Amino acid sequence: MSKLVTIYGGSGFVGRYIARRMAKAGWRVRVAVRRPNEAIFVKPYGVVGQVEPLLCNIRDDASVAAAMTGADAVVNCVGILAPSGKNTFGSVQADGADRVARIAKAQGVPQMVHISAIGADANSESEYARTKAAGEASVLEHMPNAVILRPSIVFGSEDQFFNRFASMSRLGPILPVVGADTKFQPVYVDDVAKAAEVALTVDVAPGVYELGGPDVRDFRSLMDTMLKVIRRRRAVVNIPFFVANIMGFGFDMANKVTLGLLPAQITRDQVRNLRNDNVVSKDAKNFADLGIEPVALESILPDYLWRFRPSGQYAAIKESAKNLRT
């Protein structure tokens, strides 16, 4: 019988790509999510019955254990960019990761892949980074043979990075950013998924792998590249950190007062993260150690950002028409 993998958060941005790859590799896939009715789209990743979404709350032991029963491997993709209600950084990224790893050990699951993030640091000022580090420590405590993947900023058609700023660029002549000089190493989402697949299907060394694309660029440069792709001229304006902190405080308070109804456009914790470069460390294991060559940013962005061009899908036709001889 085919092997079975349980992917926690398997309908999320990264998780769905891992689910697709594992299905293509012939594995049976359980997609453990809070709202399985909203994850039906994963079923066509395989043949009938090969990929199945099921109800799971990563904050609950029984729920996590039930989703893992009989699994040959587990992948934890659950993470949040900002807390919401009971889903705090601690409950999701620290306690949740600990719960998955602890139960995997108890059930005798032989393999585990955990998706973390570059910048995970127990001594960071950012709660996001501290809880990512706490989650990693718990995973390695319970599952010392686990593979931990730390991607830089992840891009792809469903991302919340380029899509967000491309949408903002339609609102006016200025595109504001926080930390314009902060460096990133954007990585394509399917390359991260391929790393997870390799970790589960090939004999690779356990431990932490930092994943970044072929280019290191600052925030301003990334926005310039994006604007070129969507054919818009905008002034990329840096918001100083002290101003961003004030903005973050205001948005955080508004979010709390409205009980989460008004989402924070930027939080104080995100401002703290933006003070630090988000690139692969020189001595870290990386894509090369997994036998993967990551794809470049420019080869992917036009595939999904075209809809933000002034003429949308017709932009290329109009540009081509200009070259026609009358």
Protein backbone atom coordinates (compact mmCIF):
# COMPACT_ATOMS: atom_id res chain seq x y z
CA MET A 1 0.00 0.00 0.00
CA SER A 2 1.15 3.55 -0.72
CA LYS A 3 2.68 5.52 2.11
CA LEU A 4 0.55 8.03 3.99
CA VAL A 5 1.55 11.58 4.93
CA THR A 6 -0.46 13.91 7.15
CA ILE A 7 0.08 17.57 6.31
CA TYR A 8 -1.05 19.99 9.01
CA GLY A 9 -2.07 23.22 7.31
CA GLY A 10 -2.05 21.36 4.01
CA SER A 11 -4.50 23.75 2.33
CA GLY A 12 -2.43 26.84 3.14
CA PHE A 13 -0.08 28.69 0.83
CA VAL A 14 2.91 26.35 1.22
CA GLY A 15 0.97 23.29 2.35
CA ARG A 16 -1.09 22.92 -0.83
CA TYR A 17 2.07 22.74 -2.95
CA ILE A 18 3.51 20.06 -0.68
CA ALA A 19 0.23 18.13 -0.88
CA ARG A 20 0.30 18.28 -4.67
CA ARG A 21 3.89 17.09 -4.87
CA MET A 22 3.39 14.22 -2.43
CA ALA A 23 0.30 13.08 -4.34
CA LYS A 24 2.26 13.12 -7.61
CA ALA A 25 4.96 11.08 -5.85
CA GLY A 26 2.33 8.41 -5.21
CA TRP A 27 1.67 9.02 -1.52
CA ARG A 28 -1.74 9.10 0.10
CA VAL A 29 -2.24 12.56 1.58
CA ARG A 30 -4.27 13.72 4.56
CA VAL A 31 -4.77 17.46 4.62
CA ALA A 32 -5.44 18.35 8.26
CA VAL A 33 -7.15 21.75 8.50
CA ARG A 34 -9.64 23.65 10.65
CA ARG A 35 -12.14 24.06 7.82
CA PRO A 36 -12.06 20.96 5.59
CA ASN A 37 -15.08 22.18 3.61
CA GLU A 38 -12.89 25.06 2.37
CA ALA A 39 -10.09 22.68 1.40
CA ILE A 40 -12.01 20.56 -1.10
CA PHE A 41 -9.82 22.01 -3.87
CA VAL A 42 -6.96 19.68 -2.81
CA LYS A 43 -8.84 16.52 -3.86
CA PRO A 44 -7.99 16.77 -7.59
CA TYR A 45 -4.27 16.76 -6.70
CA GLY A 46 -4.51 12.95 -6.88
CA VAL A 47 -6.80 10.16 -8.01
CA VAL A 48 -10.12 9.55 -6.29
CA GLY A 49 -9.58 9.17 -2.56
CA GLN A 50 -5.83 9.80 -2.66
CA VAL A 51 -5.96 13.31 -1.17
CA GLU A 52 -8.48 13.92 1.60
CA PRO A 53 -9.04 17.00 3.77
CA LEU A 54 -10.10 16.33 7.36
CA LEU A 55 -10.96 18.38 10.42
CA CYS A 56 -8.10 19.14 12.78
CA ASN A 57 -7.32 21.85 15.33
CA ILE A 58 -3.61 22.06 16.02
CA ARG A 59 -4.38 23.36 19.52
CA ASP A 60 -6.04 20.07 20.50
CA ASP A 61 -4.18 16.83 21.29
CA ALA A 62 -6.98 14.45 20.34
CA SER A 63 -7.57 16.22 17.05
CA VAL A 64 -3.90 16.14 16.08
CA ALA A 65 -3.54 12.50 17.11
CA ALA A 66 -6.58 11.38 15.12
CA ALA A 67 -5.31 13.06 11.96
CA MET A 68 -1.94 11.35 12.39
CA THR A 69 -3.13 7.80 13.02
CA GLY A 70 -1.38 5.36 10.70
CA ALA A 71 0.77 8.01 9.02
CA ASP A 72 4.24 7.19 7.71
CA ALA A 73 5.27 10.85 7.84
CA VAL A 74 3.98 14.21 9.05
CA VAL A 75 4.54 17.72 7.76
CA ASN A 76 3.70 20.77 9.87
CA CYS A 77 3.01 23.86 7.78
CA VAL A 78 0.89 25.73 10.33
CA GLY A 79 2.00 29.28 11.03
CA ILE A 80 0.51 32.76 11.33
CA LEU A 81 1.70 36.25 10.43
CA ALA A 82 -0.39 37.93 13.12
CA PRO A 83 -2.32 36.61 16.14
CA SER A 84 -6.09 36.37 15.99
CA GLY A 85 -8.28 35.29 18.90
CA LYS A 86 -7.08 31.97 20.36
CA ASN A 87 -4.59 31.58 17.52
CA THR A 88 -1.68 33.35 19.17
CA PHE A 89 1.95 33.02 18.16
CA GLY A 90 2.55 30.87 21.22
CA SER A 91 -0.42 28.55 20.81
CA VAL A 92 0.17 27.96 17.10
CA GLN A 93 3.88 28.26 16.36
CA ALA A 94 5.32 27.03 19.68
CA ASP A 95 2.70 24.82 21.35
CA GLY A 96 1.26 23.60 18.04
CA ALA A 97 4.64 22.47 16.71
CA ASP A 98 5.41 20.83 20.06
CA ARG A 99 2.08 18.98 19.97
CA VAL A 100 2.61 17.61 16.46
CA ALA A 101 6.15 16.44 17.24
CA ARG A 102 5.26 14.98 20.64
CA ILE A 103 2.35 12.98 19.23
CA ALA A 104 4.43 11.88 16.24
CA LYS A 105 6.98 10.44 18.66
CA ALA A 106 4.26 8.76 20.72
CA GLN A 107 2.74 7.16 17.61
CA GLY A 108 6.10 6.06 16.27
CA VAL A 109 5.93 8.13 13.06
CA PRO A 110 9.37 7.76 11.47
CA GLN A 111 9.57 11.03 9.48
CA MET A 112 8.73 14.68 10.11
CA VAL A 113 9.22 17.89 8.17
CA HIS A 114 8.58 21.19 9.90
CA ILE A 115 8.19 24.50 8.04
CA SER A 116 9.71 27.35 10.03
CA ALA A 117 11.20 30.65 8.81
CA ILE A 118 14.55 32.36 8.41
CA GLY A 119 14.98 34.64 11.39
CA ALA A 120 13.74 32.15 13.98
CA ASP A 121 15.61 33.24 17.10
CA ALA A 122 14.95 32.52 20.77
CA ASN A 123 16.52 35.87 21.69
CA SER A 124 14.69 38.00 19.13
CA GLU A 125 12.64 41.04 20.10
CA SER A 126 9.92 39.70 17.81
CA GLU A 127 7.42 37.27 19.30
CA TYR A 128 6.95 35.75 15.85
CA ALA A 129 10.66 34.89 15.64
CA ARG A 130 10.84 33.65 19.25
CA THR A 131 7.89 31.29 18.86
CA LYS A 132 9.27 29.98 15.57
CA ALA A 133 12.50 29.15 17.44
CA ALA A 134 10.56 27.55 20.29
CA GLY A 135 8.67 25.40 17.79
CA GLU A 136 11.92 24.27 16.18
CA ALA A 137 13.42 23.36 19.57
CA SER A 138 10.38 21.25 20.47
CA VAL A 139 10.43 19.45 17.13
CA LEU A 140 14.09 18.52 17.51
CA GLU A 141 13.55 17.49 21.13
CA HIS A 142 10.83 14.99 20.27
CA MET A 143 11.87 14.14 16.69
CA PRO A 144 15.67 14.51 16.48
CA ASN A 145 15.67 13.10 12.93
CA ALA A 146 13.24 15.75 11.67
CA VAL A 147 14.03 18.10 8.80
CA ILE A 148 13.30 21.77 9.50
CA LEU A 149 12.93 24.08 6.52
CA ARG A 150 13.45 27.82 7.02
CA PRO A 151 12.38 29.75 3.91
CA SER A 152 12.94 33.45 3.34
CA ILE A 153 9.96 35.42 2.02
CA VAL A 154 7.92 32.98 -0.08
CA PHE A 155 6.38 34.06 -3.37
CA GLY A 156 3.87 32.46 -5.70
CA SER A 157 0.43 33.04 -7.16
CA GLU A 158 -1.31 32.92 -3.76
CA ASP A 159 1.30 34.91 -1.82
CA GLN A 160 0.46 37.74 0.57
CA PHE A 161 3.56 39.73 -0.31
CA PHE A 162 3.76 40.71 -3.99
CA ASN A 163 0.01 40.41 -4.45
CA ARG A 164 -0.56 42.80 -1.57
CA PHE A 165 1.87 45.46 -2.72
CA ALA A 166 0.80 45.14 -6.35
CA SER A 167 -2.76 45.81 -5.21
CA MET A 168 -1.60 48.81 -3.17
CA SER A 169 0.16 50.23 -6.22
CA ARG A 170 -3.21 50.81 -7.90
CA LEU A 171 -4.28 53.27 -5.19
CA GLY A 172 -1.95 56.17 -5.94
CA PRO A 173 1.44 57.43 -7.14
CA ILE A 174 3.27 56.43 -3.92
CA LEU A 175 4.02 52.93 -2.67
CA PRO A 176 4.97 53.06 1.04
CA VAL A 177 7.20 50.36 2.58
CA VAL A 178 8.79 49.79 5.97
CA GLY A 179 12.46 48.79 5.95
CA ALA A 180 13.31 49.67 2.35
CA ASP A 181 16.95 48.67 2.93
CA THR A 182 16.17 45.34 4.62
CA LYS A 183 17.45 42.44 2.52
CA PHE A 184 15.41 39.41 1.49
CA GLN A 185 16.12 36.26 -0.52
CA PRO A 186 12.71 35.46 -2.07
CA VAL A 187 12.03 31.78 -2.65
CA TYR A 188 9.42 30.25 -4.94
CA VAL A 189 6.75 28.31 -3.06
CA ASP A 190 7.08 25.19 -5.20
CA ASP A 191 10.82 25.08 -4.50
CA VAL A 192 9.98 24.96 -0.78
CA ALA A 193 7.50 22.18 -1.52
CA LYS A 194 10.14 20.31 -3.50
CA ALA A 195 12.49 20.57 -0.51
CA ALA A 196 9.82 18.98 1.67
CA GLU A 197 9.30 16.23 -0.90
CA VAL A 198 13.03 15.51 -1.06
CA ALA A 199 13.21 15.41 2.73
CA LEU A 200 10.50 12.72 2.78
CA THR A 201 11.52 10.66 -0.24
CA VAL A 202 15.32 10.86 -0.29
CA ASP A 203 17.81 9.99 2.42
CA VAL A 204 18.94 13.45 3.53
CA ALA A 205 20.63 14.57 6.71
CA PRO A 206 18.27 15.76 9.45
CA GLY A 207 18.50 19.27 10.83
CA VAL A 208 17.81 22.83 9.75
CA TYR A 209 17.91 23.95 6.10
CA GLU A 210 17.64 27.63 5.18
CA LEU A 211 15.96 28.19 1.84
CA GLY A 212 16.45 31.27 -0.31
CA GLY A 213 16.22 32.02 -4.01
CA PRO A 214 19.20 32.77 -6.27
CA ASP A 215 19.14 36.55 -5.57
CA VAL A 216 19.47 38.70 -2.47
CA ARG A 217 17.71 42.05 -2.78
CA ASP A 218 16.54 44.83 -0.53
CA PHE A 219 12.86 45.64 -0.08
CA ARG A 220 13.03 48.67 -2.39
CA SER A 221 14.59 46.62 -5.18
CA LEU A 222 11.88 43.97 -4.85
CA MET A 223 9.21 46.64 -5.21
CA ASP A 224 10.97 48.11 -8.25
CA THR A 225 11.02 44.66 -9.86
CA MET A 226 7.34 44.15 -9.09
CA LEU A 227 6.40 47.56 -10.50
CA LYS A 228 8.29 46.79 -13.69
CA VAL A 229 6.35 43.55 -14.08
CA ILE A 230 2.96 45.24 -13.60
CA ARG A 231 3.90 48.19 -15.85
CA ARG A 232 3.31 50.88 -13.22
CA ARG A 233 5.43 53.88 -12.24
CA ARG A 234 5.29 54.52 -8.52
CA ALA A 235 7.58 56.23 -6.04
CA VAL A 236 8.70 53.67 -3.46
CA VAL A 237 8.76 55.67 -0.21
CA ASN A 238 10.41 54.32 2.93
CA ILE A 239 8.54 54.78 6.22
CA PRO A 240 11.04 55.28 9.07
CA PHE A 241 10.93 52.64 11.77
CA PHE A 242 9.87 55.05 14.51
CA VAL A 243 6.89 56.13 12.41
CA ALA A 244 6.10 52.50 11.57
CA ASN A 245 6.12 51.64 15.29
CA ILE A 246 3.50 54.31 15.93
CA MET A 247 1.43 53.03 13.02
CA GLY A 248 1.77 49.47 14.26
CA PHE A 249 0.60 50.46 17.73
CA GLY A 250 -2.43 52.19 16.26
CA PHE A 251 -3.36 49.24 14.06
CA ASP A 252 -2.82 46.79 16.95
CA MET A 253 -5.14 48.79 19.20
CA ALA A 254 -7.78 49.13 16.49
CA ASN A 255 -7.65 45.38 15.92
CA LYS A 256 -8.17 44.67 19.63
CA VAL A 257 -10.94 47.22 20.08
CA THR A 258 -12.88 45.80 17.12
CA LEU A 259 -12.25 42.21 18.33
CA GLY A 260 -10.33 41.42 15.17
CA LEU A 261 -12.91 42.82 12.75
CA LEU A 262 -10.43 45.46 11.58
CA PRO A 263 -7.27 43.63 10.46
CA ALA A 264 -3.98 45.36 11.24
CA GLN A 265 -2.25 46.58 8.07
CA ILE A 266 1.05 46.32 9.93
CA THR A 267 1.80 45.26 13.50
CA ARG A 268 4.53 46.28 15.91
CA ASP A 269 5.87 42.74 15.80
CA GLN A 270 6.16 42.89 12.01
CA VAL A 271 8.06 46.18 12.31
CA ARG A 272 10.53 44.47 14.65
CA ASN A 273 11.05 41.70 12.09
CA LEU A 274 11.60 44.18 9.27
CA ARG A 275 14.64 45.60 11.08
CA ASN A 276 16.58 42.41 10.32
CA ASP A 277 17.77 40.99 7.00
CA ASN A 278 15.98 37.81 5.95
CA VAL A 279 18.65 35.88 4.03
CA VAL A 280 20.33 32.48 4.17
CA SER A 281 23.25 32.28 6.62
CA LYS A 282 26.65 31.54 5.13
CA ASP A 283 27.19 28.36 7.17
CA ALA A 284 23.63 27.01 6.90
CA LYS A 285 22.56 23.94 4.98
CA ASN A 286 20.53 25.06 1.99
CA PHE A 287 18.96 24.07 -1.34
CA ALA A 288 22.29 22.81 -2.66
CA ASP A 289 22.43 20.23 0.12
CA LEU A 290 19.04 18.95 -1.07
CA GLY A 291 20.08 18.86 -4.73
CA ILE A 292 17.68 21.65 -5.69
CA GLU A 293 18.38 24.68 -7.87
CA PRO A 294 15.84 27.41 -6.98
CA VAL A 295 14.13 29.40 -9.72
CA ALA A 296 14.57 33.13 -10.20
CA LEU A 297 11.99 35.71 -9.19
CA GLU A 298 11.60 37.22 -12.68
CA SER A 299 10.68 33.87 -14.20
CA ILE A 300 7.59 33.53 -12.00
CA LEU A 301 6.21 37.00 -11.17
CA PRO A 302 4.74 37.71 -14.65
CA ASP A 303 2.74 34.48 -14.46
CA TYR A 304 0.47 35.83 -11.72
CA LEU A 305 0.98 39.58 -11.38
CA TRP A 306 -0.26 40.39 -14.91
CA ARG A 307 -3.73 41.10 -13.50
CA PHE A 308 -2.38 44.21 -11.75
CA ARG A 309 -1.25 45.80 -15.03
CA PRO A 310 -3.33 48.79 -16.20
CA SER A 311 -4.62 46.71 -19.14
CA GLY A 312 -4.58 43.40 -17.29
CA GLN A 313 -4.50 40.41 -19.63
CA TYR A 314 -4.48 42.68 -22.66
CA ALA A 315 -1.26 44.50 -21.74
CA ALA A 316 0.96 42.23 -23.84
CA ILE A 317 -1.37 42.53 -26.85
CA LYS A 318 -1.30 46.33 -26.66
CA GLU A 319 2.47 46.40 -26.37
CA SER A 320 2.77 44.10 -29.36
CA ALA A 321 0.35 46.24 -31.38
CA LYS A 322 2.58 49.26 -30.93
CA ASN A 323 5.25 47.51 -32.95
CA LEU A 324 2.99 46.86 -35.92
CA ARG A 325 3.70 48.89 -39.03
CA THR A 326 0.82 50.95 -40.27
